[in-house]
Amino acid sequence: RDLSRVMHFSYLKAVSLIICIIIQSAGNPI
């Protein structure tokens, strides 16, 4: 019943985490 809401929350959480990783790698290139 609330599966779509949980999936949407997990999606936003994953996207924000990926954006943070991209910003960190762009700021600190290996």
N, C-alpha and C. Protein backbone atom coordinates (compact mmCIF):
# COMPACT_ATOMS: atom_id res chain seq x y z
N ARG A 1 0.84 -1.20 0.00
CA ARG A 1 0.00 0.00 0.00
C ARG A 1 0.88 1.25 0.00
N ASP A 2 1.90 1.29 0.87
CA ASP A 2 2.80 2.45 0.90
C ASP A 2 4.13 2.13 0.21
N LEU A 3 4.11 1.11 -0.64
CA LEU A 3 5.36 0.69 -1.28
C LEU A 3 5.88 1.79 -2.20
N SER A 4 4.98 2.43 -2.95
CA SER A 4 5.42 3.46 -3.89
C SER A 4 6.06 4.63 -3.14
N ARG A 5 5.50 4.96 -1.97
CA ARG A 5 6.06 6.07 -1.20
C ARG A 5 7.46 5.71 -0.69
N VAL A 6 7.62 4.47 -0.23
CA VAL A 6 8.93 4.03 0.27
C VAL A 6 9.95 3.99 -0.87
N MET A 7 9.51 3.51 -2.03
CA MET A 7 10.40 3.44 -3.19
C MET A 7 10.82 4.85 -3.60
N HIS A 8 9.87 5.79 -3.57
CA HIS A 8 10.18 7.16 -3.97
C HIS A 8 11.18 7.77 -2.98
N PHE A 9 10.99 7.53 -1.68
CA PHE A 9 11.90 8.06 -0.67
C PHE A 9 13.30 7.47 -0.85
N SER A 10 13.35 6.15 -1.10
CA SER A 10 14.65 5.50 -1.29
C SER A 10 15.33 6.04 -2.54
N TYR A 11 14.54 6.32 -3.58
CA TYR A 11 15.10 6.85 -4.83
C TYR A 11 15.72 8.23 -4.58
N LEU A 12 14.99 9.09 -3.88
CA LEU A 12 15.52 10.43 -3.60
C LEU A 12 16.78 10.34 -2.75
N LYS A 13 16.77 9.41 -1.77
CA LYS A 13 17.92 9.25 -0.90
C LYS A 13 19.14 8.79 -1.70
N ALA A 14 18.92 7.84 -2.61
CA ALA A 14 20.03 7.33 -3.43
C ALA A 14 20.55 8.42 -4.36
N VAL A 15 19.64 9.19 -4.94
CA VAL A 15 20.06 10.25 -5.87
C VAL A 15 20.89 11.31 -5.14
N SER A 16 20.44 11.71 -3.95
CA SER A 16 21.19 12.72 -3.19
C SER A 16 22.57 12.18 -2.81
N LEU A 17 22.65 10.90 -2.49
CA LEU A 17 23.93 10.29 -2.13
C LEU A 17 24.86 10.28 -3.33
N ILE A 18 24.32 9.92 -4.51
CA ILE A 18 25.14 9.90 -5.73
C ILE A 18 25.62 11.30 -6.07
N ILE A 19 24.76 12.30 -5.90
CA ILE A 19 25.16 13.68 -6.19
C ILE A 19 26.29 14.11 -5.26
N CYS A 20 26.19 13.73 -4.00
CA CYS A 20 27.27 14.07 -3.05
C CYS A 20 28.58 13.43 -3.48
N ILE A 21 28.53 12.17 -3.90
CA ILE A 21 29.74 11.47 -4.34
C ILE A 21 30.32 12.15 -5.57
N ILE A 22 29.46 12.55 -6.52
CA ILE A 22 29.94 13.20 -7.75
C ILE A 22 30.59 14.54 -7.40
N ILE A 23 29.97 15.29 -6.49
CA ILE A 23 30.54 16.59 -6.11
C ILE A 23 31.90 16.39 -5.43
N GLN A 24 31.98 15.38 -4.58
CA GLN A 24 33.25 15.12 -3.88
C GLN A 24 34.33 14.72 -4.88
N SER A 25 33.97 13.86 -5.87
CA SER A 25 34.99 13.44 -6.82
C SER A 25 35.37 14.59 -7.74
N ALA A 26 34.43 15.50 -8.00
CA ALA A 26 34.75 16.64 -8.86
C ALA A 26 35.61 17.63 -8.08
N GLY A 27 35.35 17.77 -6.79
CA GLY A 27 36.13 18.69 -5.97
C GLY A 27 37.51 18.13 -5.64
N ASN A 28 37.58 16.81 -5.49
CA ASN A 28 38.86 16.16 -5.16
C ASN A 28 39.16 15.07 -6.19
N PRO A 29 39.64 15.46 -7.37
CA PRO A 29 39.93 14.47 -8.41
C PRO A 29 41.04 13.53 -7.97
N ILE A 30 40.87 12.26 -8.29
CA ILE A 30 41.86 11.26 -7.88
C ILE A 30 43.05 11.32 -8.85
